Amino acid sequence: MGLNVLLTYFSYGQLLDISKFLMSNTYTAIFEHEDRWYISYCPEIPGANGQGLTKEEARQSLASAIELILHDRREDMLRGLPNDAEQDTVIVG
């Protein structure tokens, strides 16, 4: 998370900045503080939650949970695709 990547490529005689085509993975993080622990969850990704002794640890734990959930959902969905299905991308935002 937080990695800024600038990619460029040469196409049709023009140098194009394709960083604008990269999707920003920004989600809402909700934090609650109970005793010594911070608990975090993400309303956009059901089941994604984290915890830590500091808010930053809870944020990192939540980011890892989001990454794992999205990876698992993607892999699970791709396993069930018929052979003639087409895969492409969509840009949001």
Foldseek 3Di string as FASTA:
>chain_A
DPDQDWDWDADPNDIDTCSVQDADPDFDWDWDDDDQKIKIDTPVQPPQIAMDSDPVRRVVRSVVSVVVSVVVVVVVVVVPDDPPDDDDDDYDD
